[in-house]
Amino acid sequence: MTIGAFILLAFVLGIVAYDWVSLRGKNRRAVLLEMAAFLVGALFIAFPDRATALAHAVGIGRGVDFLMYPIVIWLVRESLMTRRRRLEYDEKLTSVVRALALVQAKAGEVEVTPAANAQGSSLAPRQSAGPSAS
């Protein structure tokens, strides 16, 4: 085994150990899936000829290309899906904040003022009706 392969295997082991400790009780299925994927990656790091043999079997010239093509496609998909989910969450949060603002406005907790509306905000805190300390 080369020194580069040893360093990569140590890096993979460190990532798995860190995630195992930090995510152990939170999402067991995700940690196990990560460990399985990293185990396959570690096997290809330790035995790069296996990746090359698989690549040749499906008509791809190099083992690294056999591994990188699906990884790049998956990462682009994940990036697009994450962006879409974030935009959906932003829309839901906007709806919740609007509904809360309307409930507070109806309850008299805040006033809708034209001055605040001109500044880009539709709501302003209601001033206390108590005596002022001058």
N, C-alpha and C. Protein backbone atom coordinates (compact mmCIF):
# COMPACT_ATOMS: atom_id res chain seq x y z
N MET A 1 0.87 -1.17 0.00
CA MET A 1 0.00 0.00 0.00
C MET A 1 0.91 1.23 0.00
N THR A 2 0.53 2.22 -0.79
CA THR A 2 1.34 3.44 -0.89
C THR A 2 1.05 4.36 0.28
N ILE A 3 1.93 5.34 0.48
CA ILE A 3 1.73 6.31 1.56
C ILE A 3 0.48 7.15 1.29
N GLY A 4 0.22 7.46 0.02
CA GLY A 4 -1.00 8.22 -0.33
C GLY A 4 -2.26 7.46 0.02
N ALA A 5 -2.28 6.17 -0.27
CA ALA A 5 -3.44 5.35 0.07
C ALA A 5 -3.62 5.27 1.58
N PHE A 6 -2.50 5.14 2.30
CA PHE A 6 -2.57 5.09 3.76
C PHE A 6 -3.14 6.40 4.32
N ILE A 7 -2.71 7.54 3.80
CA ILE A 7 -3.21 8.85 4.25
C ILE A 7 -4.70 8.98 3.94
N LEU A 8 -5.11 8.57 2.75
CA LEU A 8 -6.54 8.64 2.39
C LEU A 8 -7.38 7.74 3.28
N LEU A 9 -6.90 6.55 3.57
CA LEU A 9 -7.64 5.65 4.45
C LEU A 9 -7.75 6.22 5.87
N ALA A 10 -6.67 6.84 6.35
CA ALA A 10 -6.72 7.47 7.67
C ALA A 10 -7.72 8.62 7.68
N PHE A 11 -7.77 9.39 6.59
CA PHE A 11 -8.72 10.49 6.47
C PHE A 11 -10.16 9.97 6.50
N VAL A 12 -10.43 8.92 5.73
CA VAL A 12 -11.77 8.33 5.70
C VAL A 12 -12.14 7.79 7.08
N LEU A 13 -11.21 7.11 7.72
CA LEU A 13 -11.47 6.58 9.06
C LEU A 13 -11.74 7.71 10.05
N GLY A 14 -11.01 8.81 9.94
CA GLY A 14 -11.23 9.96 10.82
C GLY A 14 -12.60 10.57 10.64
N ILE A 15 -13.04 10.70 9.39
CA ILE A 15 -14.37 11.26 9.12
C ILE A 15 -15.46 10.35 9.68
N VAL A 16 -15.32 9.06 9.46
CA VAL A 16 -16.32 8.11 9.96
C VAL A 16 -16.35 8.13 11.48
N ALA A 17 -15.19 8.17 12.12
CA ALA A 17 -15.14 8.20 13.59
C ALA A 17 -15.78 9.48 14.13
N TYR A 18 -15.46 10.60 13.52
CA TYR A 18 -16.04 11.87 13.96
C TYR A 18 -17.57 11.85 13.82
N ASP A 19 -18.06 11.42 12.66
CA ASP A 19 -19.51 11.38 12.46
C ASP A 19 -20.18 10.37 13.37
N TRP A 20 -19.51 9.25 13.64
CA TRP A 20 -20.08 8.25 14.53
C TRP A 20 -20.27 8.84 15.93
N VAL A 21 -19.29 9.57 16.40
CA VAL A 21 -19.37 10.16 17.74
C VAL A 21 -20.38 11.31 17.77
N SER A 22 -20.34 12.20 16.78
CA SER A 22 -21.17 13.40 16.83
C SER A 22 -22.62 13.15 16.39
N LEU A 23 -22.87 12.15 15.58
CA LEU A 23 -24.23 11.92 15.07
C LEU A 23 -24.84 10.60 15.57
N ARG A 24 -24.22 9.96 16.51
CA ARG A 24 -24.61 8.61 16.93
C ARG A 24 -26.08 8.49 17.29
N GLY A 25 -26.60 9.36 18.11
CA GLY A 25 -27.98 9.21 18.54
C GLY A 25 -28.99 9.96 17.68
N LYS A 26 -28.53 10.69 16.70
CA LYS A 26 -29.43 11.56 15.96
C LYS A 26 -30.03 10.91 14.73
N ASN A 27 -29.21 10.33 13.88
CA ASN A 27 -29.71 9.77 12.63
C ASN A 27 -28.90 8.52 12.30
N ARG A 28 -29.26 7.44 12.95
CA ARG A 28 -28.49 6.21 12.82
C ARG A 28 -28.45 5.71 11.37
N ARG A 29 -29.56 5.81 10.67
CA ARG A 29 -29.61 5.31 9.29
C ARG A 29 -28.65 6.08 8.39
N ALA A 30 -28.58 7.39 8.55
CA ALA A 30 -27.67 8.19 7.73
C ALA A 30 -26.21 7.85 8.04
N VAL A 31 -25.89 7.64 9.31
CA VAL A 31 -24.52 7.29 9.70
C VAL A 31 -24.16 5.93 9.13
N LEU A 32 -25.07 4.96 9.19
CA LEU A 32 -24.80 3.64 8.65
C LEU A 32 -24.64 3.68 7.13
N LEU A 33 -25.45 4.48 6.46
CA LEU A 33 -25.32 4.63 5.01
C LEU A 33 -23.98 5.27 4.66
N GLU A 34 -23.59 6.29 5.42
CA GLU A 34 -22.29 6.92 5.20
C GLU A 34 -21.16 5.93 5.41
N MET A 35 -21.27 5.13 6.47
CA MET A 35 -20.23 4.15 6.74
C MET A 35 -20.12 3.12 5.62
N ALA A 36 -21.25 2.69 5.08
CA ALA A 36 -21.23 1.74 3.97
C ALA A 36 -20.57 2.34 2.74
N ALA A 37 -20.93 3.59 2.42
CA ALA A 37 -20.34 4.25 1.25
C ALA A 37 -18.84 4.45 1.45
N PHE A 38 -18.44 4.85 2.66
CA PHE A 38 -17.02 5.06 2.92
C PHE A 38 -16.25 3.74 2.95
N LEU A 39 -16.90 2.65 3.36
CA LEU A 39 -16.26 1.34 3.32
C LEU A 39 -15.95 0.94 1.88
N VAL A 40 -16.92 1.15 0.99
CA VAL A 40 -16.69 0.86 -0.43
C VAL A 40 -15.56 1.74 -0.96
N GLY A 41 -15.58 3.03 -0.60
CA GLY A 41 -14.50 3.92 -1.02
C GLY A 41 -13.16 3.48 -0.47
N ALA A 42 -13.13 3.04 0.78
CA ALA A 42 -11.88 2.56 1.38
C ALA A 42 -11.37 1.31 0.66
N LEU A 43 -12.28 0.43 0.27
CA LEU A 43 -11.86 -0.76 -0.49
C LEU A 43 -11.25 -0.37 -1.83
N PHE A 44 -11.83 0.61 -2.49
CA PHE A 44 -11.25 1.06 -3.77
C PHE A 44 -9.93 1.79 -3.57
N ILE A 45 -9.76 2.45 -2.42
CA ILE A 45 -8.48 3.09 -2.12
C ILE A 45 -7.42 2.02 -1.86
N ALA A 46 -7.77 1.02 -1.08
CA ALA A 46 -6.83 -0.04 -0.74
C ALA A 46 -6.52 -0.94 -1.93
N PHE A 47 -7.51 -1.16 -2.80
CA PHE A 47 -7.35 -2.05 -3.96
C PHE A 47 -7.78 -1.32 -5.24
N PRO A 48 -6.97 -0.38 -5.72
CA PRO A 48 -7.36 0.41 -6.89
C PRO A 48 -7.51 -0.43 -8.16
N ASP A 49 -6.87 -1.60 -8.21
CA ASP A 49 -7.01 -2.45 -9.39
C ASP A 49 -8.43 -2.96 -9.55
N ARG A 50 -9.15 -3.10 -8.46
CA ARG A 50 -10.56 -3.54 -8.52
C ARG A 50 -11.42 -2.49 -9.23
N ALA A 51 -11.18 -1.22 -8.92
CA ALA A 51 -11.94 -0.16 -9.59
C ALA A 51 -11.63 -0.14 -11.08
N THR A 52 -10.37 -0.35 -11.43
CA THR A 52 -9.99 -0.38 -12.84
C THR A 52 -10.63 -1.57 -13.54
N ALA A 53 -10.65 -2.73 -12.89
CA ALA A 53 -11.27 -3.92 -13.49
C ALA A 53 -12.76 -3.70 -13.70
N LEU A 54 -13.44 -3.09 -12.73
CA LEU A 54 -14.87 -2.79 -12.89
C LEU A 54 -15.09 -1.79 -14.02
N ALA A 55 -14.24 -0.78 -14.10
CA ALA A 55 -14.36 0.22 -15.15
C ALA A 55 -14.22 -0.42 -16.52
N HIS A 56 -13.22 -1.28 -16.69
CA HIS A 56 -13.03 -1.96 -17.98
C HIS A 56 -14.21 -2.87 -18.31
N ALA A 57 -14.82 -3.45 -17.29
CA ALA A 57 -15.95 -4.35 -17.51
C ALA A 57 -17.16 -3.61 -18.08
N VAL A 58 -17.30 -2.32 -17.77
CA VAL A 58 -18.44 -1.56 -18.28
C VAL A 58 -18.05 -0.61 -19.41
N GLY A 59 -16.80 -0.70 -19.86
CA GLY A 59 -16.38 0.08 -21.02
C GLY A 59 -15.82 1.45 -20.69
N ILE A 60 -15.40 1.69 -19.46
CA ILE A 60 -14.78 2.95 -19.07
C ILE A 60 -13.29 2.69 -18.90
N GLY A 61 -12.47 3.62 -19.36
CA GLY A 61 -11.03 3.40 -19.40
C GLY A 61 -10.34 3.34 -18.05
N ARG A 62 -10.69 4.23 -17.13
CA ARG A 62 -9.96 4.30 -15.86
C ARG A 62 -10.91 4.06 -14.69
N GLY A 63 -10.37 3.47 -13.63
CA GLY A 63 -11.16 3.18 -12.44
C GLY A 63 -11.65 4.44 -11.76
N VAL A 64 -10.82 5.49 -11.74
CA VAL A 64 -11.22 6.74 -11.10
C VAL A 64 -12.40 7.37 -11.85
N ASP A 65 -12.42 7.25 -13.17
CA ASP A 65 -13.56 7.78 -13.93
C ASP A 65 -14.83 7.00 -13.61
N PHE A 66 -14.68 5.70 -13.43
CA PHE A 66 -15.82 4.85 -13.07
C PHE A 66 -16.43 5.30 -11.76
N LEU A 67 -15.60 5.78 -10.84
CA LEU A 67 -16.10 6.24 -9.55
C LEU A 67 -16.58 7.69 -9.61
N MET A 68 -15.89 8.52 -10.37
CA MET A 68 -16.18 9.96 -10.36
C MET A 68 -17.45 10.32 -11.12
N TYR A 69 -17.74 9.66 -12.21
CA TYR A 69 -18.94 10.01 -12.99
C TYR A 69 -20.20 9.97 -12.14
N PRO A 70 -20.50 8.86 -11.47
CA PRO A 70 -21.73 8.85 -10.66
C PRO A 70 -21.66 9.80 -9.46
N ILE A 71 -20.47 10.00 -8.90
CA ILE A 71 -20.34 10.91 -7.75
C ILE A 71 -20.67 12.34 -8.16
N VAL A 72 -20.13 12.78 -9.29
CA VAL A 72 -20.39 14.15 -9.76
C VAL A 72 -21.87 14.32 -10.07
N ILE A 73 -22.47 13.35 -10.74
CA ILE A 73 -23.90 13.43 -11.06
C ILE A 73 -24.72 13.50 -9.76
N TRP A 74 -24.38 12.67 -8.78
CA TRP A 74 -25.10 12.67 -7.51
C TRP A 74 -24.94 14.00 -6.78
N LEU A 75 -23.72 14.56 -6.78
CA LEU A 75 -23.50 15.83 -6.08
C LEU A 75 -24.26 16.99 -6.74
N VAL A 76 -24.32 17.01 -8.05
CA VAL A 76 -25.09 18.05 -8.74
C VAL A 76 -26.57 17.91 -8.39
N ARG A 77 -27.07 16.68 -8.40
CA ARG A 77 -28.47 16.44 -8.03
C ARG A 77 -28.73 16.89 -6.60
N GLU A 78 -27.87 16.54 -5.67
CA GLU A 78 -28.04 16.94 -4.28
C GLU A 78 -28.02 18.46 -4.13
N SER A 79 -27.16 19.11 -4.86
CA SER A 79 -27.10 20.57 -4.81
C SER A 79 -28.41 21.19 -5.28
N LEU A 80 -28.94 20.69 -6.38
CA LEU A 80 -30.20 21.22 -6.90
C LEU A 80 -31.37 20.91 -5.97
N MET A 81 -31.40 19.69 -5.42
CA MET A 81 -32.48 19.33 -4.51
C MET A 81 -32.41 20.15 -3.22
N THR A 82 -31.22 20.38 -2.71
CA THR A 82 -31.07 21.18 -1.50
C THR A 82 -31.53 22.61 -1.73
N ARG A 83 -31.19 23.16 -2.88
CA ARG A 83 -31.62 24.53 -3.21
C ARG A 83 -33.14 24.59 -3.29
N ARG A 84 -33.76 23.59 -3.93
CA ARG A 84 -35.21 23.56 -4.05
C ARG A 84 -35.87 23.46 -2.67
N ARG A 85 -35.35 22.59 -1.81
CA ARG A 85 -35.91 22.45 -0.46
C ARG A 85 -35.76 23.75 0.33
N ARG A 86 -34.61 24.41 0.20
CA ARG A 86 -34.41 25.67 0.92
C ARG A 86 -35.40 26.72 0.46
N LEU A 87 -35.65 26.81 -0.84
CA LEU A 87 -36.63 27.77 -1.35
C LEU A 87 -38.04 27.44 -0.85
N GLU A 88 -38.38 26.15 -0.79
CA GLU A 88 -39.68 25.75 -0.26
C GLU A 88 -39.80 26.11 1.21
N TYR A 89 -38.75 25.89 1.98
CA TYR A 89 -38.77 26.25 3.41
C TYR A 89 -38.88 27.76 3.58
N ASP A 90 -38.20 28.51 2.73
CA ASP A 90 -38.30 29.97 2.80
C ASP A 90 -39.73 30.43 2.56
N GLU A 91 -40.40 29.82 1.57
CA GLU A 91 -41.79 30.18 1.30
C GLU A 91 -42.70 29.83 2.47
N LYS A 92 -42.49 28.65 3.08
CA LYS A 92 -43.30 28.26 4.23
C LYS A 92 -43.06 29.18 5.41
N LEU A 93 -41.80 29.56 5.64
CA LEU A 93 -41.49 30.47 6.73
C LEU A 93 -42.14 31.83 6.50
N THR A 94 -42.12 32.31 5.28
CA THR A 94 -42.77 33.58 4.95
C THR A 94 -44.26 33.51 5.24
N SER A 95 -44.90 32.41 4.88
CA SER A 95 -46.33 32.25 5.15
C SER A 95 -46.62 32.24 6.64
N VAL A 96 -45.79 31.55 7.40
CA VAL A 96 -46.00 31.48 8.85
C VAL A 96 -45.80 32.86 9.48
N VAL A 97 -44.78 33.57 9.07
CA VAL A 97 -44.52 34.91 9.63
C VAL A 97 -45.65 35.86 9.28
N ARG A 98 -46.16 35.79 8.05
CA ARG A 98 -47.29 36.64 7.67
C ARG A 98 -48.52 36.33 8.51
N ALA A 99 -48.80 35.03 8.68
CA ALA A 99 -49.97 34.65 9.49
C ALA A 99 -49.81 35.11 10.93
N LEU A 100 -48.62 34.97 11.49
CA LEU A 100 -48.37 35.43 12.85
C LEU A 100 -48.52 36.94 12.95
N ALA A 101 -48.05 37.67 11.97
CA ALA A 101 -48.17 39.12 11.98
C ALA A 101 -49.63 39.54 11.92
N LEU A 102 -50.44 38.85 11.12
CA LEU A 102 -51.86 39.17 11.05
C LEU A 102 -52.56 38.87 12.37
N VAL A 103 -52.23 37.77 12.99
CA VAL A 103 -52.83 37.43 14.29
C VAL A 103 -52.45 38.47 15.33
N GLN A 104 -51.18 38.88 15.34
CA GLN A 104 -50.73 39.88 16.30
C GLN A 104 -51.39 41.23 16.02
N ALA A 105 -51.56 41.58 14.75
CA ALA A 105 -52.19 42.85 14.40
C ALA A 105 -53.66 42.85 14.84
N LYS A 106 -54.36 41.73 14.66
CA LYS A 106 -55.76 41.64 15.08
C LYS A 106 -55.88 41.69 16.60
N ALA A 107 -54.88 41.15 17.31
CA ALA A 107 -54.92 41.14 18.77
C ALA A 107 -54.49 42.47 19.35
N GLY A 108 -54.01 43.38 18.52
CA GLY A 108 -53.61 44.69 18.98
C GLY A 108 -52.19 44.76 19.51
N GLU A 109 -51.41 43.74 19.26
CA GLU A 109 -50.03 43.73 19.75
C GLU A 109 -49.13 44.63 18.91
N VAL A 110 -49.45 44.80 17.65
CA VAL A 110 -48.68 45.67 16.77
C VAL A 110 -49.64 46.50 15.94
N GLU A 111 -49.17 47.63 15.47
CA GLU A 111 -49.98 48.48 14.61
C GLU A 111 -49.39 48.52 13.23
N VAL A 112 -50.26 48.56 12.23
CA VAL A 112 -49.82 48.74 10.86
C VAL A 112 -49.78 50.24 10.62
N THR A 113 -48.60 50.77 10.34
CA THR A 113 -48.45 52.21 10.16
C THR A 113 -47.97 52.52 8.77
N PRO A 114 -48.45 53.62 8.19
CA PRO A 114 -47.99 53.98 6.85
C PRO A 114 -46.50 54.31 6.83
N ALA A 115 -45.95 54.89 7.89
CA ALA A 115 -44.53 55.23 7.91
C ALA A 115 -43.68 53.96 7.88
N ALA A 116 -44.06 52.98 8.65
CA ALA A 116 -43.32 51.73 8.65
C ALA A 116 -43.45 51.03 7.31
N ASN A 117 -44.62 51.12 6.70
CA ASN A 117 -44.83 50.51 5.40
C ASN A 117 -43.96 51.15 4.34
N ALA A 118 -43.73 52.45 4.41
CA ALA A 118 -42.90 53.14 3.44
C ALA A 118 -41.44 52.72 3.57
N GLN A 119 -41.03 52.27 4.76
CA GLN A 119 -39.65 51.85 4.97
C GLN A 119 -39.45 50.38 4.63
N GLY A 120 -40.43 49.71 4.14
CA GLY A 120 -40.31 48.32 3.76
C GLY A 120 -40.87 47.36 4.78
N SER A 121 -41.30 47.85 5.91
CA SER A 121 -41.89 47.01 6.94
C SER A 121 -43.36 47.38 7.07
N SER A 122 -44.20 46.38 7.25
CA SER A 122 -45.62 46.68 7.36
C SER A 122 -46.10 46.77 8.79
N LEU A 123 -45.24 46.42 9.74
CA LEU A 123 -45.67 46.40 11.12
C LEU A 123 -44.70 47.19 11.99
N ALA A 124 -45.23 47.85 12.99
CA ALA A 124 -44.40 48.58 13.96
C ALA A 124 -44.88 48.21 15.35
N PRO A 125 -43.98 48.14 16.33
CA PRO A 125 -44.43 47.80 17.69
C PRO A 125 -45.35 48.88 18.23
N ARG A 126 -46.34 48.46 19.00
CA ARG A 126 -47.28 49.39 19.61
C ARG A 126 -46.60 50.09 20.78
N GLN A 127 -46.79 51.39 20.88
CA GLN A 127 -46.20 52.19 21.97
C GLN A 127 -47.02 51.98 23.22
N SER A 128 -46.34 52.00 24.35
CA SER A 128 -46.99 51.87 25.65
C SER A 128 -47.83 53.11 25.93
N ALA A 129 -49.02 52.92 26.51
CA ALA A 129 -49.90 54.05 26.81
C ALA A 129 -49.64 54.62 28.18
N GLY A 130 -48.65 54.09 28.91
CA GLY A 130 -48.36 54.54 30.28
C GLY A 130 -47.69 55.89 30.30
N PRO A 131 -47.52 56.45 31.50
CA PRO A 131 -46.87 57.77 31.63
C PRO A 131 -45.41 57.68 31.21
N SER A 132 -44.93 58.76 30.65
CA SER A 132 -43.53 58.79 30.20
C SER A 132 -42.68 59.44 31.28
N ALA A 133 -41.45 58.99 31.39
CA ALA A 133 -40.53 59.54 32.38
C ALA A 133 -39.68 60.61 31.70
N SER A 134 -40.06 61.89 31.90
CA SER A 134 -39.31 62.98 31.26
C SER A 134 -38.50 63.72 32.25
